[in-house]
Amino acid sequence: MRQANKKDINFYLQFKKNPNQEQMKKKILAIAVPGGVLVGVCVAVSLVFLISNLMLQNKLNGINAYLTDETNLQKYDEVKAQETENSVLEAYIASDTYAWKAIQSYPRANSIVVNEILACGQGKIGIQINSYDARTGMFQFTATAANAEECNAFIAALKNSEVFADVQYSGYGYEDSRQSYLINVSCFLSETAGRQEG
């Protein structure tokens, strides 16, 4: 049986009512709540970084798998070999283009040049072609004329022609056997000689 004069001891109520305990609770809550929030934020940020890192690692693994794939490596080697071959072909094309331009810049000793010589003679001069040196562009021929005036007019016409860069002759002499004047002429063709009509 309980005694009526004894008070019931309730530790919880004593703890709850104790002012020191109340202050201690407030201090603990003041430290625990911000600390808990900080821990929560840190955990959330760490989770974000962890997920991001896992995603990036998966991407990196995919890229490494692609780069080390045997088929892709073989294709890469084929592309590099093709690039090398293309570089060699480009060098050949550039060399051929240069050679073609150089050849096109050479004068041509053709019918255009011969017709120009005949035109300079105005039908009064006989022409015998002796030689052509492609290296120097020198065209040598012998001309015959009925008189000295025709010789002078012929040489002047050759010098005025755009087909020849230079005209050299050693003068003319009369030959009894042919009964005509004989001229030995060396003409150096101009760059455009034989490449343009007229």
N, C-alpha and C. Protein backbone atom coordinates (compact mmCIF):
# COMPACT_ATOMS: atom_id res chain seq x y z
N MET A 1 0.84 -1.19 0.00
CA MET A 1 0.00 0.00 0.00
C MET A 1 0.86 1.23 0.00
N ARG A 2 0.35 2.20 -0.62
CA ARG A 2 1.09 3.45 -0.67
C ARG A 2 0.83 4.28 0.56
N GLN A 3 1.86 5.00 0.87
CA GLN A 3 1.66 5.94 1.97
C GLN A 3 1.20 7.26 1.40
N ALA A 4 0.28 7.90 2.04
CA ALA A 4 -0.33 9.11 1.53
C ALA A 4 0.58 10.30 1.63
N ASN A 5 1.49 10.30 2.61
CA ASN A 5 2.35 11.47 2.76
C ASN A 5 3.56 11.46 1.84
N LYS A 6 3.82 10.35 1.22
CA LYS A 6 4.99 10.27 0.30
C LYS A 6 4.59 10.81 -1.06
N LYS A 7 5.51 11.58 -1.68
CA LYS A 7 5.27 12.13 -3.02
C LYS A 7 5.80 11.14 -4.05
N ASP A 8 5.07 11.06 -5.16
CA ASP A 8 5.55 10.21 -6.27
C ASP A 8 6.73 10.91 -6.92
N ILE A 9 7.75 10.14 -7.19
CA ILE A 9 8.92 10.71 -7.86
C ILE A 9 8.79 10.38 -9.36
N ASN A 10 8.74 11.41 -10.15
CA ASN A 10 8.66 11.24 -11.62
C ASN A 10 9.90 11.93 -12.19
N PHE A 11 10.87 11.10 -12.61
CA PHE A 11 12.13 11.66 -13.12
C PHE A 11 11.94 12.47 -14.40
N TYR A 12 11.06 12.01 -15.25
CA TYR A 12 10.82 12.71 -16.51
C TYR A 12 10.32 14.12 -16.24
N LEU A 13 9.30 14.20 -15.27
CA LEU A 13 8.76 15.51 -14.94
C LEU A 13 9.81 16.38 -14.28
N GLN A 14 10.63 15.75 -13.46
CA GLN A 14 11.70 16.50 -12.82
C GLN A 14 12.69 17.05 -13.87
N PHE A 15 13.01 16.19 -14.85
CA PHE A 15 13.94 16.60 -15.91
C PHE A 15 13.33 17.70 -16.76
N LYS A 16 12.01 17.55 -17.00
CA LYS A 16 11.33 18.51 -17.85
C LYS A 16 11.22 19.86 -17.16
N LYS A 17 11.01 19.83 -15.89
CA LYS A 17 10.80 21.06 -15.16
C LYS A 17 12.09 21.73 -14.71
N ASN A 18 13.18 21.03 -14.74
CA ASN A 18 14.46 21.56 -14.27
C ASN A 18 14.93 22.65 -15.23
N PRO A 19 15.16 23.91 -14.75
CA PRO A 19 15.58 25.01 -15.63
C PRO A 19 16.97 24.80 -16.21
N ASN A 20 17.86 24.17 -15.51
CA ASN A 20 19.20 23.90 -16.05
C ASN A 20 19.12 22.95 -17.23
N GLN A 21 18.27 22.00 -17.04
CA GLN A 21 18.11 21.03 -18.13
C GLN A 21 17.50 21.71 -19.36
N GLU A 22 16.61 22.64 -19.16
CA GLU A 22 15.96 23.36 -20.25
C GLU A 22 16.99 24.16 -21.05
N GLN A 23 17.91 24.82 -20.36
CA GLN A 23 18.96 25.60 -21.03
C GLN A 23 19.90 24.67 -21.79
N MET A 24 20.22 23.56 -21.20
CA MET A 24 21.11 22.59 -21.85
C MET A 24 20.49 22.09 -23.15
N LYS A 25 19.15 21.84 -23.09
CA LYS A 25 18.44 21.38 -24.28
C LYS A 25 18.54 22.41 -25.40
N LYS A 26 18.36 23.66 -25.04
CA LYS A 26 18.40 24.73 -26.04
C LYS A 26 19.79 24.84 -26.66
N LYS A 27 20.81 24.70 -25.82
CA LYS A 27 22.19 24.76 -26.34
C LYS A 27 22.46 23.61 -27.30
N ILE A 28 22.01 22.42 -26.89
CA ILE A 28 22.24 21.25 -27.74
C ILE A 28 21.51 21.42 -29.08
N LEU A 29 20.25 21.90 -28.99
CA LEU A 29 19.48 22.12 -30.23
C LEU A 29 20.14 23.20 -31.10
N ALA A 30 20.66 24.24 -30.48
CA ALA A 30 21.30 25.32 -31.23
C ALA A 30 22.55 24.83 -31.97
N ILE A 31 23.22 23.83 -31.41
CA ILE A 31 24.41 23.27 -32.07
C ILE A 31 24.00 22.16 -33.04
N ALA A 32 23.06 21.32 -32.63
CA ALA A 32 22.71 20.13 -33.41
C ALA A 32 21.98 20.47 -34.70
N VAL A 33 21.07 21.45 -34.68
CA VAL A 33 20.28 21.76 -35.88
C VAL A 33 21.16 22.29 -37.01
N PRO A 34 21.99 23.33 -36.79
CA PRO A 34 22.86 23.77 -37.89
C PRO A 34 23.85 22.69 -38.32
N GLY A 35 24.37 21.96 -37.33
CA GLY A 35 25.29 20.87 -37.67
C GLY A 35 24.61 19.81 -38.52
N GLY A 36 23.37 19.48 -38.17
CA GLY A 36 22.60 18.50 -38.94
C GLY A 36 22.32 18.99 -40.35
N VAL A 37 21.96 20.28 -40.44
CA VAL A 37 21.70 20.88 -41.78
C VAL A 37 22.98 20.86 -42.60
N LEU A 38 24.10 21.23 -41.98
CA LEU A 38 25.39 21.23 -42.68
C LEU A 38 25.76 19.83 -43.14
N VAL A 39 25.57 18.85 -42.28
CA VAL A 39 25.86 17.47 -42.65
C VAL A 39 24.95 17.04 -43.80
N GLY A 40 23.67 17.41 -43.72
CA GLY A 40 22.72 17.07 -44.80
C GLY A 40 23.13 17.68 -46.13
N VAL A 41 23.53 18.98 -46.11
CA VAL A 41 23.97 19.66 -47.34
C VAL A 41 25.22 18.97 -47.90
N CYS A 42 26.17 18.67 -47.00
CA CYS A 42 27.41 18.00 -47.43
C CYS A 42 27.12 16.64 -48.06
N VAL A 43 26.19 15.90 -47.42
CA VAL A 43 25.83 14.59 -47.96
C VAL A 43 25.19 14.75 -49.34
N ALA A 44 24.28 15.74 -49.48
CA ALA A 44 23.60 15.97 -50.77
C ALA A 44 24.61 16.35 -51.86
N VAL A 45 25.51 17.29 -51.52
CA VAL A 45 26.53 17.71 -52.50
C VAL A 45 27.43 16.54 -52.86
N SER A 46 27.81 15.77 -51.87
CA SER A 46 28.66 14.59 -52.14
C SER A 46 27.95 13.60 -53.05
N LEU A 47 26.66 13.42 -52.83
CA LEU A 47 25.89 12.52 -53.70
C LEU A 47 25.84 13.03 -55.14
N VAL A 48 25.65 14.36 -55.28
CA VAL A 48 25.63 14.96 -56.64
C VAL A 48 26.97 14.73 -57.32
N PHE A 49 28.07 15.00 -56.59
CA PHE A 49 29.40 14.80 -57.18
C PHE A 49 29.66 13.32 -57.49
N LEU A 50 29.19 12.46 -56.61
CA LEU A 50 29.39 11.02 -56.82
C LEU A 50 28.64 10.55 -58.06
N ILE A 51 27.40 11.00 -58.22
CA ILE A 51 26.61 10.61 -59.41
C ILE A 51 27.24 11.19 -60.67
N SER A 52 27.64 12.47 -60.60
CA SER A 52 28.29 13.11 -61.75
C SER A 52 29.58 12.38 -62.12
N ASN A 53 30.36 12.02 -61.10
CA ASN A 53 31.61 11.31 -61.34
C ASN A 53 31.35 9.95 -61.97
N LEU A 54 30.31 9.26 -61.51
CA LEU A 54 29.97 7.95 -62.10
C LEU A 54 29.55 8.09 -63.56
N MET A 55 28.79 9.14 -63.85
CA MET A 55 28.36 9.37 -65.25
C MET A 55 29.56 9.69 -66.14
N LEU A 56 30.45 10.56 -65.65
CA LEU A 56 31.65 10.90 -66.42
C LEU A 56 32.55 9.68 -66.60
N GLN A 57 32.65 8.86 -65.57
CA GLN A 57 33.47 7.65 -65.66
C GLN A 57 32.90 6.69 -66.71
N ASN A 58 31.56 6.59 -66.74
CA ASN A 58 30.91 5.75 -67.77
C ASN A 58 31.21 6.27 -69.17
N LYS A 59 31.12 7.62 -69.33
CA LYS A 59 31.44 8.22 -70.63
C LYS A 59 32.89 7.93 -71.02
N LEU A 60 33.78 8.12 -70.04
CA LEU A 60 35.21 7.89 -70.29
C LEU A 60 35.47 6.43 -70.65
N ASN A 61 34.80 5.53 -69.98
CA ASN A 61 34.94 4.11 -70.29
C ASN A 61 34.46 3.82 -71.72
N GLY A 62 33.35 4.48 -72.11
CA GLY A 62 32.84 4.31 -73.47
C GLY A 62 33.82 4.83 -74.51
N ILE A 63 34.40 6.01 -74.23
CA ILE A 63 35.39 6.59 -75.17
C ILE A 63 36.62 5.70 -75.27
N ASN A 64 37.10 5.22 -74.12
CA ASN A 64 38.28 4.33 -74.14
C ASN A 64 37.99 3.04 -74.89
N ALA A 65 36.76 2.53 -74.70
CA ALA A 65 36.39 1.30 -75.42
C ALA A 65 36.37 1.56 -76.92
N TYR A 66 35.85 2.74 -77.32
CA TYR A 66 35.80 3.09 -78.75
C TYR A 66 37.21 3.24 -79.32
N LEU A 67 38.08 3.94 -78.55
CA LEU A 67 39.44 4.20 -79.04
C LEU A 67 40.30 2.94 -79.11
N THR A 68 40.02 1.99 -78.24
CA THR A 68 40.85 0.79 -78.22
C THR A 68 40.20 -0.38 -78.99
N ASP A 69 39.04 -0.11 -79.59
CA ASP A 69 38.37 -1.14 -80.38
C ASP A 69 39.24 -1.48 -81.60
N GLU A 70 39.42 -2.76 -81.84
CA GLU A 70 40.31 -3.22 -82.92
C GLU A 70 39.85 -2.73 -84.29
N THR A 71 38.55 -2.73 -84.51
CA THR A 71 38.00 -2.27 -85.80
C THR A 71 38.30 -0.79 -86.01
N ASN A 72 38.09 0.00 -84.96
CA ASN A 72 38.35 1.44 -85.06
C ASN A 72 39.84 1.73 -85.27
N LEU A 73 40.70 0.98 -84.58
CA LEU A 73 42.14 1.16 -84.76
C LEU A 73 42.55 0.82 -86.19
N GLN A 74 41.94 -0.21 -86.74
CA GLN A 74 42.25 -0.59 -88.13
C GLN A 74 41.80 0.51 -89.09
N LYS A 75 40.59 1.06 -88.84
CA LYS A 75 40.10 2.15 -89.69
C LYS A 75 41.01 3.37 -89.58
N TYR A 76 41.47 3.66 -88.35
CA TYR A 76 42.38 4.80 -88.15
C TYR A 76 43.67 4.61 -88.96
N ASP A 77 44.22 3.40 -88.91
CA ASP A 77 45.44 3.11 -89.68
C ASP A 77 45.19 3.27 -91.18
N GLU A 78 44.00 2.84 -91.64
CA GLU A 78 43.66 2.98 -93.06
C GLU A 78 43.57 4.45 -93.45
N VAL A 79 42.95 5.26 -92.57
CA VAL A 79 42.81 6.70 -92.85
C VAL A 79 44.19 7.36 -92.91
N LYS A 80 45.07 7.01 -91.95
CA LYS A 80 46.41 7.60 -91.95
C LYS A 80 47.19 7.21 -93.21
N ALA A 81 47.03 5.95 -93.64
CA ALA A 81 47.70 5.49 -94.87
C ALA A 81 47.15 6.24 -96.07
N GLN A 82 45.82 6.47 -96.08
CA GLN A 82 45.20 7.21 -97.18
C GLN A 82 45.67 8.66 -97.20
N GLU A 83 45.80 9.26 -96.01
CA GLU A 83 46.30 10.65 -95.93
C GLU A 83 47.72 10.74 -96.48
N THR A 84 48.55 9.77 -96.14
CA THR A 84 49.93 9.75 -96.65
C THR A 84 49.93 9.62 -98.17
N GLU A 85 49.09 8.72 -98.66
CA GLU A 85 49.01 8.53 -100.12
C GLU A 85 48.50 9.79 -100.80
N ASN A 86 47.50 10.45 -100.17
CA ASN A 86 46.98 11.70 -100.73
C ASN A 86 48.05 12.79 -100.76
N SER A 87 48.87 12.85 -99.71
CA SER A 87 49.95 13.84 -99.68
C SER A 87 50.94 13.61 -100.81
N VAL A 88 51.27 12.33 -101.04
CA VAL A 88 52.19 11.99 -102.14
C VAL A 88 51.57 12.37 -103.48
N LEU A 89 50.27 12.05 -103.64
CA LEU A 89 49.59 12.39 -104.90
C LEU A 89 49.51 13.90 -105.11
N GLU A 90 49.24 14.64 -104.03
CA GLU A 90 49.19 16.10 -104.12
C GLU A 90 50.55 16.65 -104.55
N ALA A 91 51.62 16.07 -104.02
CA ALA A 91 52.97 16.51 -104.41
C ALA A 91 53.21 16.23 -105.89
N TYR A 92 52.78 15.04 -106.35
CA TYR A 92 52.91 14.71 -107.78
C TYR A 92 52.10 15.68 -108.65
N ILE A 93 50.88 15.96 -108.21
CA ILE A 93 50.02 16.87 -108.98
C ILE A 93 50.64 18.26 -109.05
N ALA A 94 51.15 18.73 -107.89
CA ALA A 94 51.78 20.06 -107.87
C ALA A 94 53.00 20.09 -108.79
N SER A 95 53.79 19.01 -108.76
CA SER A 95 54.98 18.93 -109.61
C SER A 95 54.58 18.89 -111.09
N ASP A 96 53.56 18.09 -111.40
CA ASP A 96 53.10 18.00 -112.79
C ASP A 96 52.50 19.31 -113.27
N THR A 97 51.77 19.99 -112.38
CA THR A 97 51.17 21.29 -112.73
C THR A 97 52.28 22.29 -113.03
N TYR A 98 53.31 22.29 -112.20
CA TYR A 98 54.44 23.20 -112.42
C TYR A 98 55.12 22.89 -113.75
N ALA A 99 55.34 21.58 -114.00
CA ALA A 99 56.00 21.18 -115.25
C ALA A 99 55.13 21.56 -116.45
N TRP A 100 53.81 21.35 -116.32
CA TRP A 100 52.91 21.69 -117.43
C TRP A 100 52.94 23.19 -117.71
N LYS A 101 52.92 23.99 -116.65
CA LYS A 101 52.98 25.45 -116.84
C LYS A 101 54.31 25.85 -117.48
N ALA A 102 55.38 25.20 -117.05
CA ALA A 102 56.70 25.51 -117.63
C ALA A 102 56.72 25.14 -119.11
N ILE A 103 56.17 23.97 -119.43
CA ILE A 103 56.13 23.54 -120.85
C ILE A 103 55.28 24.51 -121.67
N GLN A 104 54.14 24.92 -121.08
CA GLN A 104 53.27 25.85 -121.79
C GLN A 104 53.92 27.21 -122.00
N SER A 105 54.88 27.53 -121.15
CA SER A 105 55.55 28.83 -121.30
C SER A 105 56.65 28.80 -122.37
N TYR A 106 57.05 27.59 -122.79
CA TYR A 106 58.09 27.49 -123.82
C TYR A 106 57.51 27.90 -125.18
N PRO A 107 58.33 28.54 -125.98
CA PRO A 107 57.87 28.83 -127.35
C PRO A 107 57.77 27.53 -128.16
N ARG A 108 56.95 27.54 -129.18
CA ARG A 108 56.77 26.36 -130.02
C ARG A 108 57.19 26.68 -131.45
N ALA A 109 58.10 25.87 -131.93
CA ALA A 109 58.54 26.05 -133.32
C ALA A 109 57.61 25.23 -134.19
N ASN A 110 56.51 25.83 -134.60
CA ASN A 110 55.51 25.11 -135.39
C ASN A 110 55.14 25.91 -136.64
N SER A 111 54.06 25.53 -137.26
CA SER A 111 53.65 26.19 -138.51
C SER A 111 53.33 27.66 -138.31
N ILE A 112 52.91 28.04 -137.10
CA ILE A 112 52.62 29.46 -136.83
C ILE A 112 53.90 30.29 -137.00
N VAL A 113 55.02 29.75 -136.49
CA VAL A 113 56.30 30.46 -136.60
C VAL A 113 56.75 30.51 -138.06
N VAL A 114 56.64 29.38 -138.75
CA VAL A 114 57.06 29.33 -140.16
C VAL A 114 56.21 30.29 -140.99
N ASN A 115 54.91 30.31 -140.73
CA ASN A 115 54.02 31.23 -141.47
C ASN A 115 54.37 32.68 -141.18
N GLU A 116 54.81 32.98 -139.96
CA GLU A 116 55.21 34.35 -139.62
C GLU A 116 56.47 34.75 -140.40
N ILE A 117 57.41 33.81 -140.51
CA ILE A 117 58.64 34.09 -141.29
C ILE A 117 58.28 34.36 -142.75
N LEU A 118 57.40 33.51 -143.30
CA LEU A 118 56.98 33.70 -144.70
C LEU A 118 56.25 35.03 -144.88
N ALA A 119 55.42 35.40 -143.89
CA ALA A 119 54.69 36.67 -143.97
C ALA A 119 55.66 37.85 -143.96
N CYS A 120 56.73 37.72 -143.17
CA CYS A 120 57.74 38.79 -143.13
C CYS A 120 58.43 38.93 -144.49
N GLY A 121 58.53 37.83 -145.22
CA GLY A 121 59.15 37.87 -146.54
C GLY A 121 58.22 38.36 -147.63
N GLN A 122 56.95 38.51 -147.34
CA GLN A 122 55.94 39.03 -148.26
C GLN A 122 55.93 38.28 -149.60
N GLY A 123 56.25 37.01 -149.57
CA GLY A 123 56.23 36.21 -150.79
C GLY A 123 57.42 36.43 -151.71
N LYS A 124 58.35 37.29 -151.29
CA LYS A 124 59.51 37.60 -152.14
C LYS A 124 60.77 36.88 -151.66
N ILE A 125 60.72 36.26 -150.50
CA ILE A 125 61.90 35.65 -149.90
C ILE A 125 61.73 34.14 -149.89
N GLY A 126 62.77 33.43 -150.29
CA GLY A 126 62.79 31.98 -150.17
C GLY A 126 63.35 31.58 -148.82
N ILE A 127 62.73 30.59 -148.14
CA ILE A 127 63.13 30.20 -146.79
C ILE A 127 63.54 28.73 -146.79
N GLN A 128 64.69 28.45 -146.14
CA GLN A 128 65.10 27.06 -145.90
C GLN A 128 65.45 26.95 -144.41
N ILE A 129 64.64 26.17 -143.69
CA ILE A 129 64.84 26.02 -142.24
C ILE A 129 66.00 25.06 -142.02
N ASN A 130 66.95 25.48 -141.17
CA ASN A 130 68.12 24.66 -140.90
C ASN A 130 68.02 23.89 -139.57
N SER A 131 67.61 24.59 -138.50
CA SER A 131 67.56 23.91 -137.20
C SER A 131 66.73 24.70 -136.20
N TYR A 132 66.36 23.99 -135.09
CA TYR A 132 65.68 24.63 -133.96
C TYR A 132 66.23 24.03 -132.68
N ASP A 133 66.66 24.87 -131.75
CA ASP A 133 67.17 24.42 -130.46
C ASP A 133 66.13 24.79 -129.38
N ALA A 134 65.40 23.77 -128.92
CA ALA A 134 64.32 24.01 -127.96
C ALA A 134 64.85 24.56 -126.64
N ARG A 135 66.07 24.19 -126.28
CA ARG A 135 66.65 24.64 -125.01
C ARG A 135 66.84 26.15 -124.99
N THR A 136 67.29 26.71 -126.08
CA THR A 136 67.54 28.16 -126.17
C THR A 136 66.44 28.90 -126.90
N GLY A 137 65.58 28.17 -127.63
CA GLY A 137 64.54 28.81 -128.43
C GLY A 137 65.08 29.44 -129.71
N MET A 138 66.27 28.97 -130.17
CA MET A 138 66.88 29.55 -131.36
C MET A 138 66.43 28.81 -132.62
N PHE A 139 65.92 29.58 -133.56
CA PHE A 139 65.41 29.06 -134.82
C PHE A 139 66.35 29.57 -135.92
N GLN A 140 67.02 28.66 -136.63
CA GLN A 140 67.99 29.07 -137.67
C GLN A 140 67.44 28.70 -139.05
N PHE A 141 67.59 29.65 -139.97
CA PHE A 141 67.16 29.38 -141.34
C PHE A 141 67.99 30.22 -142.32
N THR A 142 67.94 29.81 -143.57
CA THR A 142 68.62 30.54 -144.64
C THR A 142 67.55 31.13 -145.55
N ALA A 143 67.74 32.41 -145.91
CA ALA A 143 66.76 33.10 -146.77
C ALA A 143 67.46 33.57 -148.04
N THR A 144 66.71 33.58 -149.12
CA THR A 144 67.25 34.10 -150.39
C THR A 144 66.33 35.20 -150.88
N ALA A 145 66.95 36.28 -151.44
CA ALA A 145 66.18 37.41 -151.94
C ALA A 145 66.76 37.85 -153.28
N ALA A 146 65.92 38.48 -154.08
CA ALA A 146 66.34 38.91 -155.42
C ALA A 146 67.23 40.14 -155.36
N ASN A 147 67.05 40.99 -154.35
CA ASN A 147 67.88 42.20 -154.27
C ASN A 147 68.11 42.59 -152.81
N ALA A 148 68.99 43.55 -152.60
CA ALA A 148 69.41 43.96 -151.27
C ALA A 148 68.27 44.63 -150.50
N GLU A 149 67.41 45.39 -151.22
CA GLU A 149 66.31 46.06 -150.54
C GLU A 149 65.35 45.05 -149.91
N GLU A 150 65.12 43.96 -150.64
CA GLU A 150 64.23 42.92 -150.11
C GLU A 150 64.85 42.28 -148.86
N CYS A 151 66.18 42.12 -148.87
CA CYS A 151 66.88 41.58 -147.69
C CYS A 151 66.67 42.48 -146.48
N ASN A 152 66.89 43.79 -146.67
CA ASN A 152 66.75 44.75 -145.57
C ASN A 152 65.30 44.79 -145.05
N ALA A 153 64.35 44.79 -145.96
CA ALA A 153 62.93 44.83 -145.56
C ALA A 153 62.56 43.56 -144.79
N PHE A 154 63.09 42.41 -145.22
CA PHE A 154 62.80 41.14 -144.57
C PHE A 154 63.33 41.13 -143.13
N ILE A 155 64.58 41.55 -142.93
CA ILE A 155 65.18 41.58 -141.59
C ILE A 155 64.42 42.55 -140.69
N ALA A 156 64.04 43.72 -141.25
CA ALA A 156 63.29 44.71 -140.46
C ALA A 156 61.94 44.13 -140.03
N ALA A 157 61.28 43.39 -140.93
CA ALA A 157 59.98 42.79 -140.60
C ALA A 157 60.14 41.72 -139.51
N LEU A 158 61.22 40.92 -139.58
CA LEU A 158 61.47 39.90 -138.54
C LEU A 158 61.68 40.56 -137.18
N LYS A 159 62.44 41.66 -137.15
CA LYS A 159 62.72 42.35 -135.89
C LYS A 159 61.45 42.98 -135.30
N ASN A 160 60.51 43.38 -136.13
CA ASN A 160 59.26 43.98 -135.67
C ASN A 160 58.21 42.95 -135.28
N SER A 161 58.44 41.69 -135.60
CA SER A 161 57.47 40.63 -135.32
C SER A 161 57.47 40.29 -133.83
N GLU A 162 56.28 40.04 -133.29
CA GLU A 162 56.15 39.65 -131.87
C GLU A 162 56.57 38.20 -131.64
N VAL A 163 56.74 37.44 -132.71
CA VAL A 163 57.12 36.03 -132.59
C VAL A 163 58.57 35.90 -132.14
N PHE A 164 59.41 36.87 -132.48
CA PHE A 164 60.84 36.78 -132.19
C PHE A 164 61.26 37.77 -131.12
N ALA A 165 61.99 37.26 -130.13
CA ALA A 165 62.52 38.12 -129.08
C ALA A 165 63.80 38.81 -129.55
N ASP A 166 64.53 38.13 -130.43
CA ASP A 166 65.78 38.70 -130.94
C ASP A 166 66.05 38.11 -132.32
N VAL A 167 66.59 38.92 -133.21
CA VAL A 167 66.94 38.48 -134.57
C VAL A 167 68.39 38.82 -134.81
N GLN A 168 69.17 37.79 -135.16
CA GLN A 168 70.60 38.01 -135.46
C GLN A 168 70.88 37.48 -136.88
N TYR A 169 71.63 38.26 -137.62
CA TYR A 169 72.07 37.78 -138.92
C TYR A 169 73.44 38.35 -139.22
N SER A 170 74.15 37.63 -140.05
CA SER A 170 75.55 38.00 -140.32
C SER A 170 75.68 38.82 -141.61
N GLY A 171 74.62 39.47 -142.00
CA GLY A 171 74.65 40.22 -143.26
C GLY A 171 74.21 39.33 -144.41
N TYR A 172 74.32 39.81 -145.60
CA TYR A 172 73.91 39.02 -146.76
C TYR A 172 74.98 39.13 -147.83
N GLY A 173 74.99 38.17 -148.69
CA GLY A 173 75.97 38.14 -149.79
C GLY A 173 75.30 37.63 -151.07
N TYR A 174 75.86 38.02 -152.18
CA TYR A 174 75.28 37.61 -153.47
C TYR A 174 75.96 36.32 -153.92
N GLU A 175 75.16 35.38 -154.37
CA GLU A 175 75.68 34.12 -154.88
C GLU A 175 75.38 34.03 -156.36
N ASP A 176 76.45 33.92 -157.16
CA ASP A 176 76.28 33.83 -158.63
C ASP A 176 75.54 32.55 -159.02
N SER A 177 75.86 31.47 -158.33
CA SER A 177 75.25 30.20 -158.71
C SER A 177 73.73 30.25 -158.56
N ARG A 178 73.25 30.96 -157.57
CA ARG A 178 71.79 31.06 -157.36
C ARG A 178 71.22 32.33 -157.97
N GLN A 179 72.08 33.23 -158.28
CA GLN A 179 71.71 34.55 -158.78
C GLN A 179 70.72 35.23 -157.82
N SER A 180 71.08 35.19 -156.54
CA SER A 180 70.25 35.82 -155.52
C SER A 180 71.11 36.12 -154.29
N TYR A 181 70.54 36.93 -153.44
CA TYR A 181 71.21 37.28 -152.19
C TYR A 181 70.88 36.20 -151.15
N LEU A 182 71.91 35.83 -150.39
CA LEU A 182 71.75 34.78 -149.38
C LEU A 182 71.92 35.40 -147.98
N ILE A 183 70.97 35.06 -147.07
CA ILE A 183 71.01 35.59 -145.70
C ILE A 183 70.93 34.41 -144.72
N ASN A 184 71.88 34.35 -143.78
CA ASN A 184 71.83 33.37 -142.69
C ASN A 184 71.25 34.07 -141.46
N VAL A 185 70.11 33.58 -140.98
CA VAL A 185 69.39 34.25 -139.89
C VAL A 185 69.25 33.32 -138.68
N SER A 186 69.47 33.89 -137.50
CA SER A 186 69.19 33.19 -136.24
C SER A 186 68.16 34.02 -135.48
N CYS A 187 67.01 33.44 -135.25
CA CYS A 187 65.93 34.13 -134.52
C CYS A 187 65.68 33.40 -133.20
N PHE A 188 65.61 34.18 -132.14
CA PHE A 188 65.25 33.61 -130.83
C PHE A 188 63.77 33.86 -130.60
N LEU A 189 63.04 32.77 -130.43
CA LEU A 189 61.59 32.88 -130.31
C LEU A 189 61.20 33.55 -128.99
N SER A 190 60.13 34.32 -129.05
CA SER A 190 59.59 34.93 -127.83
C SER A 190 58.81 33.88 -127.05
N GLU A 191 58.44 34.23 -125.82
CA GLU A 191 57.75 33.27 -124.96
C GLU A 191 56.44 32.78 -125.57
N THR A 192 55.75 33.66 -126.26
CA THR A 192 54.42 33.29 -126.80
C THR A 192 54.50 32.74 -128.21
N ALA A 193 55.69 32.61 -128.76
CA ALA A 193 55.83 32.15 -130.16
C ALA A 193 55.21 30.79 -130.35
N GLY A 194 54.38 30.65 -131.39
CA GLY A 194 53.78 29.37 -131.73
C GLY A 194 52.60 29.01 -130.87
N ARG A 195 52.21 29.86 -129.92
CA ARG A 195 51.09 29.54 -129.05
C ARG A 195 49.88 30.40 -129.32
N GLN A 196 50.02 31.39 -130.18
CA GLN A 196 48.88 32.26 -130.52
C GLN A 196 48.82 32.41 -132.04
N GLU A 197 47.60 32.32 -132.51
CA GLU A 197 47.43 32.51 -133.96
C GLU A 197 47.57 33.99 -134.28
N GLY A 198 48.10 34.24 -135.47
CA GLY A 198 48.16 35.61 -135.97
C GLY A 198 49.32 36.41 -135.48
